Amino acid sequence: GDEVEDESVRQALRGQAGPGYSEAQHVGCEQLCRSLQRSQQKLDAEHQVATATWGAPLSLFSESAQQRATESGVHDWAI
């Protein structure tokens, strides 16, 4: 199923053998796209849970909040 395919993709990208294989397998474009789409869907669902828990959108920052984060040493990728 999807979980086996996703695990195979992860293993292949690491250069490791996937489930049921003795060596790393080739990852096709369609297989990679399917796996990425499923991962994005899972991430979106978790983002919605985090937003609901926080009580406000996590991805919306004012310029002043962004500046404060930068000044306090938050990594650029996290802002």
Protein backbone atom coordinates (compact mmCIF):
# COMPACT_ATOMS: atom_id res chain seq x y z
CA GLY A 1 0.00 0.00 0.00
CA ASP A 2 0.90 3.64 0.34
CA GLU A 3 2.96 3.18 3.50
CA VAL A 4 5.12 0.53 1.84
CA GLU A 5 5.63 2.74 -1.20
CA ASP A 6 6.52 5.74 0.97
CA GLU A 7 9.00 3.67 2.97
CA SER A 8 10.55 2.37 -0.26
CA VAL A 9 10.96 5.94 -1.51
CA ARG A 10 12.56 7.06 1.77
CA GLN A 11 14.96 4.13 1.73
CA ALA A 12 15.87 4.63 -1.94
CA LEU A 13 16.57 8.32 -1.37
CA ARG A 14 18.89 7.31 1.47
CA GLY A 15 20.58 4.79 -0.81
CA GLN A 16 19.32 1.90 1.32
CA ALA A 17 17.36 -1.21 0.43
CA GLY A 18 13.63 -0.83 0.78
CA PRO A 19 11.23 -3.40 2.24
CA GLY A 20 11.74 -6.74 0.50
CA TYR A 21 14.85 -5.67 -1.43
CA SER A 22 18.52 -6.44 -0.93
CA GLU A 23 19.73 -3.17 -2.47
CA ALA A 24 18.48 0.38 -3.06
CA GLN A 25 15.85 0.64 -5.75
CA HIS A 26 15.31 3.26 -8.46
CA VAL A 27 12.60 5.82 -7.65
CA GLY A 28 10.48 6.84 -10.59
CA CYS A 29 9.09 10.33 -11.04
CA GLU A 30 5.47 9.24 -10.57
CA GLN A 31 6.31 7.23 -7.45
CA LEU A 32 8.21 10.17 -5.95
CA CYS A 33 5.38 12.59 -6.76
CA ARG A 34 2.78 10.32 -5.15
CA SER A 35 4.89 10.00 -2.02
CA LEU A 36 5.50 13.75 -1.85
CA GLN A 37 1.79 14.48 -2.27
CA ARG A 38 0.90 12.11 0.58
CA SER A 39 3.58 13.68 2.76
CA GLN A 40 2.22 17.16 2.00
CA GLN A 41 -1.30 16.03 2.91
CA LYS A 42 -0.03 14.65 6.24
CA LEU A 43 1.88 17.87 6.92
CA ASP A 44 -1.18 19.98 6.11
CA ALA A 45 -3.30 17.92 8.53
CA GLU A 46 -0.73 18.33 11.33
CA HIS A 47 -0.47 22.06 10.60
CA GLN A 48 -4.25 22.36 10.99
CA VAL A 49 -4.07 20.57 14.36
CA ALA A 50 -1.25 22.84 15.53
CA THR A 51 -3.14 25.94 14.38
CA ALA A 52 -6.29 24.81 16.21
CA THR A 53 -4.26 24.07 19.34
CA TRP A 54 -2.47 27.44 19.21
CA GLY A 55 -5.74 29.24 18.50
CA ALA A 56 -4.34 31.32 15.65
CA PRO A 57 -2.58 30.70 12.34
CA LEU A 58 1.04 29.73 12.91
CA SER A 59 2.15 30.89 9.50
CA LEU A 60 1.06 34.52 9.83
CA PHE A 61 3.61 36.90 11.31
CA SER A 62 3.64 40.65 11.48
CA GLU A 63 6.80 42.39 10.33
CA SER A 64 7.57 43.37 13.92
CA ALA A 65 7.24 39.74 15.09
CA GLN A 66 9.51 38.64 12.27
CA GLN A 67 12.08 41.27 13.23
CA ARG A 68 11.95 40.24 16.91
CA ALA A 69 12.46 36.61 15.96
CA THR A 70 15.46 37.50 13.80
CA GLU A 71 16.96 39.67 16.53
CA SER A 72 16.50 36.92 19.12
CA GLY A 73 18.51 34.47 17.01
CA VAL A 74 15.75 32.39 15.44
CA HIS A 75 17.09 30.68 12.29
CA ASP A 76 15.86 32.21 9.04
CA TRP A 77 14.36 28.87 7.91
CA ALA A 78 12.14 28.85 11.01
CA ILE A 79 10.64 32.28 10.43
